[in-house]
């Protein structure tokens, strides 16, 4: 049996519910507590350096802790990617399973603190990341990014040439440049950019920002009605992002600043335009060419029911 331990991060409901019932997998949702006692916080942090797990339990509801402790030692566990490193460390200390796995769904910041945090996980689990630079830097396992097979029809009219959704994270200036390029070439677009807290935006930047987030079902609807998705990676990220896989699974074109994507098995110059490598003068021609379908065998490598087999076999 594989137990997937996850929190209530909004994307989890879309990914985990796609796993086939035929697979020997069960799901456990993390039930958090937030200790108000500063002494417990200090002692639980110090406890990370020891084999003990007495104070770690104060971060979770009792039912969750009991569920962890009563699993068969022969069962595998997979800590799903949206869990923080510190909470993952506490969970690993509480679990009795022989084989413990951690899937990191976010890139690491390569700081000294990240090295320390990761050292807690490495002592107690097999760690996997989708980012090749993080895998090399921290000497952890590289594993492909993951997505899920789309069951609904994708045969809808395109309303937008380009679509971007996401938190600003320092990307708004790049998106303004793209906006100006699109308008110059009579290309339409829709940006749904959420602002960062405590950032003073210019008037032109503020005009692009939205107050409210959209849910993932709405994001998928925008994807279906767009010809090309925009991916602007943050500095230091090199792995294939979810945006790239959305383009792959929905058979949409991709505009990206990820130069490493040229090494991906699904890379096709006809489908993927790389900022800083491809010539913007050919952007209209890029859009006009029909999408070239990628081999089913390649796409299947990223599909969650195939991807999860690493942890069930």
Protein backbone atom coordinates (compact mmCIF):
# COMPACT_ATOMS: atom_id res chain seq x y z
CA UNK A 1 0.00 0.00 0.00
CA UNK A 2 1.14 3.53 -0.80
CA UNK A 3 -0.15 6.32 1.42
CA UNK A 4 -0.08 9.77 -0.16
CA UNK A 5 0.08 12.43 2.52
CA UNK A 6 -1.13 15.81 1.32
CA UNK A 7 -2.57 19.10 2.52
CA UNK A 8 -5.57 21.00 1.15
CA UNK A 9 -3.61 22.97 -1.47
CA UNK A 10 -6.10 23.73 -4.26
CA UNK A 11 -4.23 21.86 -7.02
CA UNK A 12 -4.18 18.62 -5.04
CA UNK A 13 -7.88 18.00 -5.62
CA UNK A 14 -7.34 18.15 -9.38
CA UNK A 15 -4.28 15.89 -9.44
CA UNK A 16 -4.88 13.27 -6.77
CA UNK A 17 -8.47 12.53 -7.74
CA UNK A 18 -7.20 11.44 -11.18
CA UNK A 19 -5.32 8.46 -9.73
CA UNK A 20 -7.03 5.24 -10.76
CA UNK A 21 -8.96 3.33 -8.11
CA UNK A 22 -7.26 0.14 -9.28
CA UNK A 23 -3.94 1.28 -7.85
CA UNK A 24 -3.16 0.25 -4.28
CA UNK A 25 -3.12 3.81 -2.97
CA UNK A 26 -4.76 5.57 -0.05
CA UNK A 27 -4.83 9.28 0.82
CA UNK A 28 -4.27 11.01 4.14
CA UNK A 29 -4.93 14.73 4.46
CA UNK A 30 -2.72 16.58 6.90
CA UNK A 31 -4.63 18.18 9.77
CA UNK A 32 -2.59 21.07 11.10
CA UNK A 33 -2.46 22.73 14.47
CA UNK A 34 -0.60 25.95 15.18
CA UNK A 35 1.02 25.80 18.61
CA UNK A 36 0.81 29.14 20.38
CA UNK A 37 3.28 28.09 23.07
CA UNK A 38 6.70 29.50 22.13
CA UNK A 39 8.48 26.87 24.20
CA UNK A 40 6.89 24.06 22.17
CA UNK A 41 7.92 25.83 18.94
CA UNK A 42 11.52 26.06 20.12
CA UNK A 43 11.66 22.48 21.43
CA UNK A 44 10.07 21.04 18.28
CA UNK A 45 12.64 22.89 16.15
CA UNK A 46 15.50 21.55 18.28
CA UNK A 47 13.94 18.10 18.11
CA UNK A 48 14.63 17.98 14.37
CA UNK A 49 18.27 17.32 15.23
CA UNK A 50 17.37 14.27 17.34
CA UNK A 51 15.59 10.91 16.79
CA UNK A 52 12.76 12.05 19.08
CA UNK A 53 9.30 13.08 17.90
CA UNK A 54 7.56 14.10 21.11
CA UNK A 55 7.05 17.80 20.38
CA UNK A 56 6.47 17.38 16.61
CA UNK A 57 3.03 15.96 17.31
CA UNK A 58 1.83 19.30 18.63
CA UNK A 59 1.72 20.61 15.05
CA UNK A 60 -0.98 18.15 13.97
CA UNK A 61 -4.40 16.97 15.09
CA UNK A 62 -4.32 13.81 17.20
CA UNK A 63 -6.30 11.77 14.65
CA UNK A 64 -3.70 12.51 11.97
CA UNK A 65 -0.80 11.58 14.27
CA UNK A 66 -2.49 8.31 15.23
CA UNK A 67 -3.14 7.52 11.57
CA UNK A 68 0.56 7.93 10.84
CA UNK A 69 1.72 5.81 13.74
CA UNK A 70 -0.61 2.89 13.02
CA UNK A 71 0.40 2.24 9.43
CA UNK A 72 2.07 -1.05 8.51
CA UNK A 73 5.83 -0.61 8.57
CA UNK A 74 5.99 -2.30 5.14
CA UNK A 75 3.75 0.33 3.52
CA UNK A 76 5.25 3.21 1.55
CA UNK A 77 4.42 6.85 2.11
CA UNK A 78 4.73 9.77 -0.29
CA UNK A 79 4.64 13.30 1.04
CA UNK A 80 3.00 15.25 -1.75
CA UNK A 81 4.78 18.32 -3.09
CA UNK A 82 2.80 21.18 -1.57
CA UNK A 83 3.91 20.37 2.01
CA UNK A 84 6.63 22.61 3.45
CA UNK A 85 10.04 21.12 4.23
CA UNK A 86 9.68 21.72 7.95
CA UNK A 87 6.23 20.13 8.20
CA UNK A 88 7.47 17.25 6.05
CA UNK A 89 10.34 16.76 8.51
CA UNK A 90 7.93 16.55 11.43
CA UNK A 91 5.71 14.05 9.57
CA UNK A 92 8.66 11.84 8.67
CA UNK A 93 9.69 11.70 12.32
CA UNK A 94 6.20 10.60 13.34
CA UNK A 95 5.75 7.95 10.62
CA UNK A 96 7.04 4.41 11.19
CA UNK A 97 7.15 3.27 7.55
CA UNK A 98 10.34 1.74 6.18
CA UNK A 99 10.19 3.56 2.85
CA UNK A 100 9.43 7.26 2.98
CA UNK A 101 9.36 9.48 -0.11
CA UNK A 102 9.09 13.24 -0.52
CA UNK A 103 8.06 14.96 -3.77
CA UNK A 104 9.18 18.61 -3.92
CA UNK A 105 6.81 20.61 -6.13
CA UNK A 106 8.65 23.90 -5.62
CA UNK A 107 12.18 24.95 -6.42
CA UNK A 108 14.63 25.60 -3.59
CA UNK A 109 16.28 28.97 -3.06
CA UNK A 110 19.83 27.55 -2.70
CA UNK A 111 20.32 29.35 0.59
CA UNK A 112 22.23 27.93 3.55
CA UNK A 113 18.90 27.55 5.37
CA UNK A 114 17.54 25.39 2.53
CA UNK A 115 20.57 23.12 2.83
CA UNK A 116 19.90 22.73 6.56
CA UNK A 117 16.19 22.07 6.09
CA UNK A 118 16.84 19.55 3.34
CA UNK A 119 19.37 17.70 5.46
CA UNK A 120 16.50 16.77 7.83
CA UNK A 121 14.58 15.17 4.96
CA UNK A 122 17.58 13.39 3.46
CA UNK A 123 18.21 11.55 6.73
CA UNK A 124 14.72 10.07 6.72
CA UNK A 125 13.48 9.77 3.12
CA UNK A 126 14.07 9.53 -0.59
CA UNK A 127 13.64 13.02 -2.04
CA UNK A 128 12.50 13.81 -5.58
CA UNK A 129 12.40 17.13 -7.44
CA UNK A 130 11.33 18.20 -10.93
CA UNK A 131 14.16 20.75 -11.13
CA UNK A 132 17.47 19.39 -12.54
CA UNK A 133 19.56 22.17 -10.97
CA UNK A 134 18.10 21.47 -7.51
CA UNK A 135 18.69 17.74 -8.05
CA UNK A 136 22.35 18.36 -8.83
CA UNK A 137 22.91 21.06 -6.19
CA UNK A 138 21.39 19.07 -3.32
CA UNK A 139 22.24 15.57 -4.56
CA UNK A 140 18.61 14.44 -4.62
CA UNK A 141 16.60 12.46 -7.16
CA UNK A 142 15.34 14.05 -10.36
CA UNK A 143 11.82 13.08 -11.46
CA UNK A 144 9.72 14.43 -14.29
CA UNK A 145 7.04 17.01 -13.63
CA UNK A 146 3.53 15.55 -13.38
CA UNK A 147 0.11 16.37 -14.81
CA UNK A 148 -3.13 14.49 -15.49
CA UNK A 149 -5.02 13.33 -18.55
CA UNK A 150 -7.73 15.75 -19.64
CA UNK A 151 -11.08 14.04 -20.07
CA UNK A 152 -13.14 16.97 -21.33
CA UNK A 153 -13.25 18.04 -24.97
CA UNK A 154 -10.64 20.60 -26.00
CA UNK A 155 -12.45 21.51 -29.21
CA UNK A 156 -13.42 25.12 -28.40
CA UNK A 157 -12.93 28.48 -30.08
CA UNK A 158 -9.80 30.49 -29.30
CA UNK A 159 -10.67 33.82 -27.69
CA UNK A 160 -7.11 34.86 -26.85
CA UNK A 161 -3.79 34.60 -28.64
CA UNK A 162 -1.88 34.57 -25.32
CA UNK A 163 -2.80 33.78 -21.73
CA UNK A 164 -0.90 34.26 -18.46
CA UNK A 165 -2.06 33.56 -14.92
CA UNK A 166 -0.06 33.72 -11.71
CA UNK A 167 1.38 35.70 -8.83
CA UNK A 168 3.62 38.59 -9.84
CA UNK A 169 6.81 37.23 -8.18
CA UNK A 170 8.84 39.89 -9.97
CA UNK A 171 7.47 39.05 -13.42
CA UNK A 172 5.19 42.02 -14.06
CA UNK A 173 7.89 44.03 -15.91
CA UNK A 174 8.48 41.14 -18.32
CA UNK A 175 4.75 40.85 -18.89
CA UNK A 176 4.46 44.57 -19.63
CA UNK A 177 7.12 44.14 -22.32
CA UNK A 178 5.14 41.23 -23.79
CA UNK A 179 1.94 43.28 -23.63
CA UNK A 180 3.58 46.05 -25.68
CA UNK A 181 4.85 43.50 -28.20
CA UNK A 182 1.42 41.89 -28.57
CA UNK A 183 -0.32 45.21 -29.07
CA UNK A 184 2.26 46.24 -31.68
CA UNK A 185 1.51 43.03 -33.59
CA UNK A 186 -2.30 43.23 -33.16
CA UNK A 187 -2.35 40.11 -30.98
CA UNK A 188 -4.87 39.80 -28.17
CA UNK A 189 -4.12 38.51 -24.69
CA UNK A 190 -5.45 38.00 -21.19
CA UNK A 191 -3.24 38.43 -18.13
CA UNK A 192 -4.45 37.53 -14.64
CA UNK A 193 -1.62 38.76 -12.43
CA UNK A 194 -1.94 38.90 -8.67
CA UNK A 195 0.10 41.55 -6.82
CA UNK A 196 2.65 40.90 -4.09
CA UNK A 197 2.12 42.37 -0.65
CA UNK A 198 4.13 45.47 0.31
CA UNK A 199 5.24 46.15 -3.28
CA UNK A 200 4.82 49.66 -4.67
CA UNK A 201 3.69 49.25 -8.26
CA UNK A 202 3.81 51.91 -10.95
CA UNK A 203 0.61 53.12 -12.61
CA UNK A 204 1.25 51.02 -15.71
CA UNK A 205 1.92 47.93 -13.58
CA UNK A 206 -1.17 48.47 -11.42
CA UNK A 207 -3.36 48.50 -14.53
CA UNK A 208 -2.33 44.91 -15.24
CA UNK A 209 -2.96 43.56 -11.74
CA UNK A 210 -6.09 41.78 -10.52
CA UNK A 211 -7.47 41.89 -6.98
CA UNK A 212 -8.90 38.38 -6.82
CA UNK A 213 -7.50 35.00 -7.74
CA UNK A 214 -9.30 32.63 -10.08
CA UNK A 215 -9.75 28.98 -9.23
CA UNK A 216 -8.13 26.22 -11.26
CA UNK A 217 -11.34 25.31 -13.08
CA UNK A 218 -11.47 28.89 -14.36
CA UNK A 219 -7.79 28.70 -15.30
CA UNK A 220 -8.49 25.59 -17.37
CA UNK A 221 -11.33 27.40 -19.12
CA UNK A 222 -8.98 30.24 -20.09
CA UNK A 223 -6.40 27.69 -21.27
CA UNK A 224 -8.98 26.01 -23.51
CA UNK A 225 -9.85 29.34 -25.11
CA UNK A 226 -6.24 30.42 -25.72
CA UNK A 227 -3.85 29.65 -28.56
CA UNK A 228 -0.64 30.06 -26.56
CA UNK A 229 0.21 29.95 -22.85
CA UNK A 230 2.85 32.20 -21.30
CA UNK A 231 5.43 30.80 -18.88
CA UNK A 232 7.81 33.20 -17.12
CA UNK A 233 10.04 31.22 -14.77
CA UNK A 234 11.48 32.81 -11.67
CA UNK A 235 15.22 33.30 -11.46
CA UNK A 236 17.00 30.06 -10.60
CA UNK A 237 14.23 27.73 -11.80
CA UNK A 238 15.13 25.32 -14.59
CA UNK A 239 12.62 22.46 -14.42
CA UNK A 240 9.55 21.92 -16.55
CA UNK A 241 6.71 23.85 -14.93
CA UNK A 242 3.01 23.02 -14.69
CA UNK A 243 2.35 25.72 -17.30
CA UNK A 244 4.48 23.83 -19.82
CA UNK A 245 2.58 20.61 -19.11
CA UNK A 246 -0.74 22.40 -19.40
CA UNK A 247 0.35 23.44 -22.89
CA UNK A 248 1.41 19.85 -23.63
CA UNK A 249 -1.76 18.14 -22.37
CA UNK A 250 -4.16 20.74 -23.80
CA UNK A 251 -2.19 20.87 -27.06
CA UNK A 252 -1.55 24.59 -26.81
CA UNK A 253 1.50 26.52 -27.88
CA UNK A 254 3.92 27.84 -25.26
CA UNK A 255 5.81 31.11 -24.97
CA UNK A 256 8.53 30.66 -22.35
CA UNK A 257 11.78 32.09 -21.00
CA UNK A 258 12.97 28.60 -20.00
CA UNK A 259 15.97 27.92 -22.25
CA UNK A 260 16.36 24.45 -20.75
CA UNK A 261 13.05 23.36 -22.25
CA UNK A 262 14.90 22.66 -25.48
CA UNK A 263 16.16 19.50 -23.72
CA UNK A 264 12.64 18.26 -22.90
CA UNK A 265 11.47 15.21 -24.84
CA UNK A 266 8.31 17.07 -25.89
CA UNK A 267 10.16 20.11 -27.24
CA UNK A 268 9.06 21.06 -30.74
CA UNK A 269 10.15 24.35 -32.29
CA UNK A 270 6.77 24.61 -33.98
CA UNK A 271 4.96 24.47 -30.59
CA UNK A 272 7.35 26.26 -28.22
CA UNK A 273 8.71 29.80 -28.62
CA UNK A 274 11.71 30.54 -26.39
CA UNK A 275 12.15 34.17 -25.32
CA UNK A 276 15.75 35.27 -25.87
CA UNK A 277 16.40 32.48 -28.36
CA UNK A 278 13.70 32.76 -31.00
CA UNK A 279 13.18 35.93 -32.99
CA UNK A 280 10.14 37.97 -31.98
CA UNK A 281 9.77 39.01 -35.64
CA UNK A 282 8.57 35.47 -36.31
CA UNK A 283 6.01 35.43 -33.48
CA UNK A 284 3.01 35.89 -35.77
CA UNK A 285 4.22 33.08 -38.04
CA UNK A 286 4.72 30.89 -34.95
CA UNK A 287 1.10 31.43 -33.93
CA UNK A 288 -0.28 30.80 -37.42
CA UNK A 289 1.34 27.39 -37.79
CA UNK A 290 -0.89 24.57 -36.49
CA UNK A 291 0.11 22.74 -33.32
CA UNK A 292 2.12 19.59 -34.02
CA UNK A 293 0.76 16.74 -31.93
CA UNK A 294 3.30 15.11 -29.60
CA UNK A 295 3.62 11.33 -29.40
CA UNK A 296 1.23 9.67 -26.95
CA UNK A 297 4.16 7.73 -25.46
CA UNK A 298 5.98 10.97 -24.60
CA UNK A 299 2.91 12.65 -23.10
CA UNK A 300 2.12 9.53 -21.06
CA UNK A 301 5.46 9.83 -19.26
CA UNK A 302 4.08 12.87 -17.44
CA UNK A 303 0.60 11.47 -16.72
CA UNK A 304 0.01 10.93 -13.02
CA UNK A 305 -1.06 7.26 -13.23
CA UNK A 306 2.23 6.38 -14.92
CA UNK A 307 4.29 8.86 -12.89
CA UNK A 308 3.09 7.44 -9.54
CA UNK A 309 4.36 3.92 -10.34
CA UNK A 310 7.82 4.90 -9.04
CA UNK A 311 6.32 4.82 -5.55
CA UNK A 312 3.99 1.84 -5.83
CA UNK A 313 6.37 -0.77 -7.23
